Each structure stands twice: as structure tokens, then as C-alpha cells.
Amino acid sequence: MNVLVAGGAGMVGSHLVDSLVARGDQIIVLDNYMTGSPRNLVHLAGRPGFRLVNANITEQLTDIAADWGSIDQIFHLASPASPVAYAREPIATLMVNALGTKHLLDLAVAQGARFVLASTSEVYGDPLVSPQPETYWGNVNSVGPRACYDEGKRFAESLLVSYQRVYGLDMRIARIFNTYGPRSAVDDGRVIPNFCVQALRGEPLTIYGDGNQTRSFCFVSDLVRGMILLSEIEGITGEVINLGNPHEQTVAEIAAEIIRLAGSASTIDFHDLPVDDPIHRRPDITKAGELLGWSPQIDFPTGLARTLDYFRGVI
């Protein structure tokens, strides 16, 4: 199978590419390295059937399509995903989720390819319902500091639905909840990378708010397994499916666990909670279980140990 992965040099994208290669697919990765890195895929360099192309999907993709030939599946993960990254590049974030998504969708229609969008739990905003099912419409501030990402993904979802209705596109949407694991950037800015790096350096761990806000973290291998299933199963075109771990913890509990596993003497510094930062984030994964037969398998201490081992080698 010929598969195109946009954003395949990012943390999640590179693990997805590894799984697709193991599945026996021919892979082309498009990435402009705004937040991803070619280092995440260096182990695949020179491998037959694998190509890594420095490309911006907000530009036309006709040359790439002509050069590659037929494409059977497209995975769209090309977007800054951390608050630090999309705050730095808000317009680029909006454009990759709007214009970039359109370009990939046009390619999918021309090629008759199945399309999988990596959407986000951020479409639920600061939810008034917990856990969040796919039927929840969300509580999103369209003019807040997170809007470039939240609304960019909501627009991307709407664009997929419109392409399905107009062109009969075979598409699926994965709403990805907090994910962690090896290959996260040291300066990613999200909770687990921040805490791991600070704990290993013996620095105070930075908690925004009082630490009682909750998060649910899914290890990257579990998430990728869910995305592969979403791409493979027949008869689920048009489905929107949450992928995440429903095990909910407070940010303070997560910080304490990372300090313990790292053997660190770090203390904790508390800072003001950012605007529109969600108080609760927990997926309802009933649908993923019913349609995909999927649930997370990696427990939090095991995933954290693997993540800490990775950061020990890069800081």
C-alpha cells in the first residue's frame, strides 16, 4: 500500500510511520520541520519504499503526487500541536489546518485515497461535560489565545465532512487526547515533556494553576495502534472517534510521579493558569472499543519510564 503521511517527522507522526513501515507499506512523509525533526526518522533513511520530503502542505502538492504515483491512504498530522508552538505560529497553524487540509483532500479525491485526520480533544475546548464523548459539541472560545489551534481543527473536521458529502470521500477523524512518549521535543512546552526535562535537570517543576486540573495521558504506541485500526477497518467511513486514555489524574499527581520515577530532588513552582486552559480532559472511548476493538494497554508508570529514558539521552 502507498501511504502519504503529512507531519510524519513529529513525535506522533514518526511513531506512526514506524508502524506503517512494519505493516509493509510504501511511505512518503511530508514535513516542513516547523515542530517535527528529520532526526525522528533518521533510522529509516535509505530504506527502500521510504521517502522524506521537506514540503509545506499549504502549497500545491501536484508535483509530489505526479512523482509518487498512486496513493492509497493519507494521514494528516501536519500541525503545531503544543500551546507553545501554535502561540508562536498562530497564522501558520490556522493555514495548515485550513489550506493544507484542502490540498491533501484534493489529492485524496484525485487519487481515490482513504483519508485519516489527526484532530484533537481541543475541539471540545474547556468542556462542561466529562468524560467527553464524540457527540459533545464543545465549549470553545473562538477569539481566545488557543483559537488558532482549536478552531483550525474544527474547521478541518468540517472540511472533511463536506468532502465526504460532495465527493464521497472515504474519511475518518481521530480526536486525539493528550499523548506522550519518546521523541517529544525538549522545548515542547506540554506537561509531561516539561516535567520530565525539569525533573532530570533537578529544576523546579512548573505547574500552572493549583495543580488540581486533570489530564488523561495515552502512551504514543497505544495511540498509533488506534490510528492504524482506524485506517484499516472497513465500513466506518465518516466516523469521528476519540483516541486517548481515560485514566484521569491531577497535574499535581503527575508531577509527583515523575519526580519519583526520575529520582529527582525537584520542588514545584506554581504559576497562574493560562487563559482558556481546560480544567478537565478525559475521553469517553466507548466508541473506539465498539468500532475498533481498541483500548490503551500501556500503564502510566511504564510509559513514563520509557519517556524519561528517552529524555535522559537527549538533554
Protein backbone atom coordinates (compact mmCIF):
# COMPACT_ATOMS: atom_id res chain seq x y z
CA MET A 1 0.00 0.00 0.00
CA ASN A 2 1.25 3.52 -0.81
CA VAL A 3 0.70 5.85 2.13
CA LEU A 4 1.33 9.58 2.48
CA VAL A 5 1.90 10.93 6.00
CA ALA A 6 1.80 14.72 6.37
CA GLY A 7 3.58 15.77 9.55
CA GLY A 8 5.34 12.42 9.78
CA ALA A 9 8.51 13.82 11.34
CA GLY A 10 6.74 14.83 14.54
CA MET A 11 6.58 12.76 17.71
CA VAL A 12 3.30 11.00 16.94
CA GLY A 13 3.86 11.05 13.19
CA SER A 14 7.24 9.34 13.35
CA HIS A 15 5.90 6.52 15.52
CA LEU A 16 3.00 6.15 13.07
CA VAL A 17 5.47 5.91 10.18
CA ASP A 18 7.37 3.18 12.01
CA SER A 19 4.17 1.17 12.35
CA LEU A 20 3.24 1.69 8.70
CA VAL A 21 6.69 0.54 7.60
CA ALA A 22 6.29 -2.53 9.81
CA ARG A 23 2.91 -3.10 8.12
CA GLY A 24 4.80 -3.33 4.82
CA ASP A 25 3.64 -0.05 3.28
CA GLN A 26 5.49 2.26 0.92
CA ILE A 27 5.71 5.61 2.71
CA ILE A 28 6.19 9.21 1.69
CA VAL A 29 6.46 11.71 4.54
CA LEU A 30 5.83 15.41 4.02
CA ASP A 31 7.06 17.76 6.73
CA ASN A 32 8.44 21.30 6.84
CA TYR A 33 10.02 20.69 10.28
CA MET A 34 8.22 23.58 11.98
CA THR A 35 7.79 21.35 15.03
CA GLY A 36 8.95 17.94 13.77
CA SER A 37 12.53 16.87 13.11
CA PRO A 38 14.19 14.63 10.49
CA ARG A 39 16.11 13.11 13.43
CA ASN A 40 12.92 11.27 14.37
CA LEU A 41 13.12 9.32 11.11
CA VAL A 42 16.87 9.03 10.59
CA HIS A 43 16.71 5.28 11.32
CA LEU A 44 14.63 4.86 8.13
CA ALA A 45 16.98 6.82 5.85
CA GLY A 46 17.87 4.85 2.72
CA ARG A 47 15.22 2.22 3.33
CA PRO A 48 13.53 1.06 0.10
CA GLY A 49 9.97 2.35 -0.16
CA PHE A 50 10.55 5.25 2.26
CA ARG A 51 10.88 8.91 1.29
CA LEU A 52 11.10 12.01 3.46
CA VAL A 53 10.28 15.27 1.67
CA ASN A 54 10.74 18.77 3.08
CA ALA A 55 7.42 20.26 1.99
CA ASN A 56 4.79 22.69 3.19
CA ILE A 57 1.30 21.36 2.51
CA THR A 58 -0.15 24.86 2.39
CA GLU A 59 1.48 24.92 -1.06
CA GLN A 60 0.23 22.90 -4.03
CA LEU A 61 1.03 19.17 -3.98
CA THR A 62 0.63 18.36 -7.68
CA ASP A 63 4.33 17.70 -8.31
CA ILE A 64 4.56 15.37 -5.33
CA ALA A 65 1.52 13.41 -6.45
CA ALA A 66 2.79 13.10 -10.01
CA ASP A 67 6.20 11.94 -8.84
CA TRP A 68 4.89 9.41 -6.34
CA GLY A 69 2.15 7.84 -8.43
CA SER A 70 -0.87 6.23 -6.81
CA ILE A 71 -1.68 6.93 -3.16
CA ASP A 72 -3.95 4.58 -1.21
CA GLN A 73 -4.10 6.31 2.18
CA ILE A 74 -3.36 9.76 3.54
CA PHE A 75 -2.72 10.53 7.21
CA HIS A 76 -2.89 14.24 8.06
CA LEU A 77 -0.90 15.09 11.21
CA ALA A 78 0.65 18.31 9.91
CA SER A 79 0.01 21.00 12.50
CA PRO A 80 1.71 22.53 15.51
CA ALA A 81 0.04 20.85 18.48
CA SER A 82 1.52 22.31 21.65
CA PRO A 83 0.35 25.66 23.07
CA VAL A 84 3.92 26.97 22.89
CA ALA A 85 4.21 26.07 19.20
CA TYR A 86 0.86 27.36 18.00
CA ALA A 87 1.14 30.53 20.08
CA ARG A 88 4.41 31.18 18.25
CA GLU A 89 2.89 30.48 14.80
CA PRO A 90 -0.88 31.15 15.03
CA ILE A 91 -1.41 32.02 11.36
CA ALA A 92 0.63 29.07 10.12
CA THR A 93 -1.40 26.84 12.46
CA LEU A 94 -4.66 28.08 11.00
CA MET A 95 -3.41 27.77 7.43
CA VAL A 96 -2.08 24.21 7.73
CA ASN A 97 -5.44 23.12 9.14
CA ALA A 98 -7.41 25.04 6.52
CA LEU A 99 -5.48 25.38 3.25
CA GLY A 100 -3.17 22.45 3.98
CA THR A 101 -6.12 20.19 4.72
CA LYS A 102 -7.81 21.27 1.48
CA HIS A 103 -4.73 20.45 -0.57
CA LEU A 104 -4.49 16.99 0.95
CA LEU A 105 -8.21 16.42 0.46
CA ASP A 106 -7.98 17.42 -3.21
CA LEU A 107 -5.15 14.91 -3.57
CA ALA A 108 -7.22 12.23 -1.83
CA VAL A 109 -10.16 12.80 -4.17
CA ALA A 110 -7.91 12.69 -7.25
CA GLN A 111 -6.23 9.50 -6.04
CA GLY A 112 -9.28 7.79 -4.55
CA ALA A 113 -7.35 7.57 -1.28
CA ARG A 114 -8.71 6.91 2.21
CA PHE A 115 -8.15 9.93 4.49
CA VAL A 116 -7.42 9.92 8.24
CA LEU A 117 -7.33 13.26 10.06
CA ALA A 118 -5.45 13.67 13.32
CA SER A 119 -7.86 16.02 15.05
CA THR A 120 -7.71 16.84 18.74
CA SER A 121 -9.57 16.85 22.03
CA GLU A 122 -9.11 20.63 21.89
CA VAL A 123 -12.22 20.76 19.69
CA TYR A 124 -14.09 20.25 22.99
CA GLY A 125 -12.48 23.40 24.44
CA ASP A 126 -12.83 23.76 28.21
CA PRO A 127 -15.50 21.06 28.48
CA LEU A 128 -18.63 21.33 30.57
CA VAL A 129 -19.11 17.56 30.21
CA SER A 130 -16.73 14.88 31.48
CA PRO A 131 -15.73 12.46 30.13
CA GLN A 132 -16.09 13.91 26.64
CA PRO A 133 -17.99 11.76 24.09
CA GLU A 134 -17.79 12.37 20.36
CA THR A 135 -21.35 13.74 20.47
CA TYR A 136 -20.30 16.67 22.70
CA TRP A 137 -20.17 19.92 20.70
CA GLY A 138 -17.67 21.62 22.96
CA ASN A 139 -17.11 24.88 24.82
CA VAL A 140 -14.59 26.77 22.70
CA ASN A 141 -13.54 30.42 22.78
CA SER A 142 -13.23 31.34 19.10
CA VAL A 143 -11.26 34.53 19.82
CA GLY A 144 -9.05 33.28 22.66
CA PRO A 145 -5.30 32.58 22.59
CA ARG A 146 -5.89 28.88 21.78
CA ALA A 147 -8.37 29.56 18.99
CA CYS A 148 -5.85 29.21 16.16
CA TYR A 149 -5.49 25.52 17.04
CA ASP A 150 -8.96 24.74 18.40
CA GLU A 151 -10.82 26.40 15.54
CA GLY A 152 -8.29 25.27 12.97
CA LYS A 153 -9.02 21.66 13.84
CA ARG A 154 -12.76 22.24 13.99
CA PHE A 155 -12.59 23.74 10.50
CA ALA A 156 -10.51 20.80 9.27
CA GLU A 157 -13.15 18.39 10.57
CA SER A 158 -15.90 20.38 8.82
CA LEU A 159 -13.90 20.34 5.59
CA LEU A 160 -13.56 16.55 5.72
CA VAL A 161 -17.29 16.14 6.27
CA SER A 162 -18.01 18.44 3.32
CA TYR A 163 -15.65 16.49 1.04
CA GLN A 164 -17.35 13.28 2.07
CA ARG A 165 -20.78 14.69 1.24
CA VAL A 166 -19.74 16.28 -2.06
CA TYR A 167 -17.17 13.78 -3.38
CA GLY A 168 -17.93 10.58 -1.47
CA LEU A 169 -14.50 10.71 0.19
CA ASP A 170 -13.68 7.78 2.48
CA MET A 171 -12.55 9.67 5.55
CA ARG A 172 -12.17 9.08 9.28
CA ILE A 173 -11.43 11.54 12.12
CA ALA A 174 -9.33 10.70 15.18
CA ARG A 175 -9.84 13.11 18.08
CA ILE A 176 -6.53 12.66 19.86
CA PHE A 177 -6.29 13.31 23.58
CA ASN A 178 -3.06 14.06 25.48
CA THR A 179 -0.32 11.78 24.19
CA TYR A 180 3.25 11.33 25.44
CA GLY A 181 6.31 9.26 24.72
CA PRO A 182 9.81 9.23 23.21
CA ARG A 183 10.73 11.78 20.51
CA SER A 184 8.88 14.65 22.15
CA ALA A 185 10.82 17.89 21.72
CA VAL A 186 12.71 19.09 24.79
CA ASP A 187 11.06 22.50 24.40
CA ASP A 188 7.62 21.07 23.55
CA GLY A 189 6.00 23.01 26.39
CA ARG A 190 3.37 20.43 27.35
CA VAL A 191 3.02 18.87 30.77
CA ILE A 192 4.95 15.60 30.51
CA PRO A 193 7.91 16.82 28.41
CA ASN A 194 8.22 19.87 30.68
CA PHE A 195 8.08 17.83 33.88
CA CYS A 196 10.48 15.15 32.59
CA VAL A 197 13.11 17.66 31.48
CA GLN A 198 12.80 19.74 34.66
CA ALA A 199 12.97 16.68 36.94
CA LEU A 200 16.01 15.24 35.17
CA ARG A 201 17.77 18.61 35.40
CA GLY A 202 16.85 19.00 39.07
CA GLU A 203 14.88 22.14 38.33
CA PRO A 204 11.54 23.06 39.93
CA LEU A 205 8.57 21.60 38.07
CA THR A 206 6.29 24.33 36.73
CA ILE A 207 2.60 23.84 37.48
CA TYR A 208 0.10 26.33 36.11
CA GLY A 209 -2.85 26.83 38.42
CA ASP A 210 -3.23 24.93 41.68
CA GLY A 211 -2.45 21.52 40.18
CA ASN A 212 -5.95 20.16 40.69
CA GLN A 213 -6.85 20.38 37.00
CA THR A 214 -6.95 16.92 35.44
CA ARG A 215 -5.43 15.30 32.38
CA SER A 216 -5.57 11.81 30.85
CA PHE A 217 -2.40 10.67 29.09
CA CYS A 218 -2.09 7.99 26.41
CA PHE A 219 1.26 6.43 25.53
CA VAL A 220 2.21 7.00 21.90
CA SER A 221 2.30 3.33 20.89
CA ASP A 222 -1.29 2.88 22.08
CA LEU A 223 -2.42 5.94 20.13
CA VAL A 224 -0.68 4.81 16.94
CA ARG A 225 -2.27 1.37 17.21
CA GLY A 226 -5.66 3.08 17.37
CA MET A 227 -4.89 5.23 14.32
CA ILE A 228 -3.80 2.17 12.32
CA LEU A 229 -7.03 0.38 13.23
CA LEU A 230 -9.00 3.47 12.24
CA SER A 231 -7.30 3.38 8.83
CA GLU A 232 -7.80 -0.35 8.26
CA ILE A 233 -11.34 -1.20 9.31
CA GLU A 234 -13.93 -1.20 6.56
CA GLY A 235 -17.40 0.27 6.83
CA ILE A 236 -16.60 3.16 9.19
CA THR A 237 -16.22 6.00 6.72
CA GLY A 238 -17.23 9.33 8.23
CA GLU A 239 -16.74 8.19 11.81
CA VAL A 240 -15.31 10.52 14.46
CA ILE A 241 -13.53 8.56 17.20
CA ASN A 242 -11.83 9.62 20.42
CA LEU A 243 -8.39 8.09 20.97
CA GLY A 244 -6.93 8.56 24.42
CA ASN A 245 -6.52 7.04 27.84
CA PRO A 246 -9.49 7.57 30.20
CA HIS A 247 -7.30 7.26 33.32
CA GLU A 248 -7.69 10.74 34.80
CA GLN A 249 -5.10 12.30 37.14
CA THR A 250 -4.44 15.74 38.55
CA VAL A 251 -1.45 17.64 37.25
CA ALA A 252 -0.03 17.64 40.80
CA GLU A 253 -0.22 13.83 40.91
CA ILE A 254 1.56 13.60 37.57
CA ALA A 255 4.33 15.89 38.78
CA ALA A 256 4.85 13.82 41.94
CA GLU A 257 5.02 10.57 39.93
CA ILE A 258 7.62 11.99 37.53
CA ILE A 259 9.76 13.28 40.40
CA ARG A 260 9.60 9.82 41.99
CA LEU A 261 10.44 7.88 38.83
CA ALA A 262 13.26 10.28 37.92
CA GLY A 263 14.76 10.01 41.41
CA SER A 264 14.79 13.80 41.42
CA ALA A 265 15.00 16.29 44.26
CA SER A 266 12.99 18.84 42.25
CA THR A 267 10.44 21.01 44.00
CA ILE A 268 7.29 22.52 42.46
CA ASP A 269 6.66 26.11 41.40
CA PHE A 270 3.08 27.28 40.94
CA HIS A 271 2.16 29.90 38.33
CA ASP A 272 -1.07 31.47 37.09
CA LEU A 273 -3.28 29.27 34.93
CA PRO A 274 -3.17 30.32 31.24
CA VAL A 275 -6.31 31.74 29.63
CA ASP A 276 -8.76 29.05 28.44
CA ASP A 277 -6.63 26.22 29.81
CA PRO A 278 -9.10 23.34 30.28
CA ILE A 279 -9.84 22.21 33.84
CA HIS A 280 -10.80 18.67 32.87
CA ARG A 281 -9.69 16.49 29.98
CA ARG A 282 -10.82 12.87 29.82
CA PRO A 283 -12.01 10.88 26.79
CA ASP A 284 -15.03 8.65 26.55
CA ILE A 285 -13.55 5.80 24.45
CA THR A 286 -16.67 3.63 24.30
CA LYS A 287 -16.93 4.14 20.55
CA ALA A 288 -13.30 3.21 19.95
CA GLY A 289 -13.88 -0.03 21.84
CA GLU A 290 -17.04 -0.86 19.93
CA LEU A 291 -15.88 0.03 16.38
CA LEU A 292 -12.14 -0.60 16.58
CA GLY A 293 -11.81 -3.09 19.43
CA TRP A 294 -9.27 -0.64 20.84
CA SER A 295 -8.25 0.39 24.33
CA PRO A 296 -4.93 1.57 25.81
CA GLN A 297 -2.56 -1.13 27.07
CA ILE A 298 0.46 0.76 28.44
CA ASP A 299 0.06 1.83 32.07
CA PHE A 300 1.22 5.28 33.14
CA PRO A 301 4.35 4.29 35.16
CA THR A 302 5.59 2.10 32.30
CA GLY A 303 5.06 4.83 29.72
CA LEU A 304 6.70 7.44 31.93
CA ALA A 305 9.75 5.23 32.49
CA ARG A 306 10.21 4.88 28.72
CA THR A 307 9.74 8.60 28.22
CA LEU A 308 12.22 9.51 30.95
CA ASP A 309 14.76 7.10 29.42
CA TYR A 310 14.41 8.96 26.12
CA PHE A 311 14.90 12.39 27.69
CA ARG A 312 17.94 11.17 29.61
CA GLY A 313 19.58 10.59 26.25
CA VAL A 314 18.79 13.97 24.69
CA ILE A 315 19.22 16.59 27.41
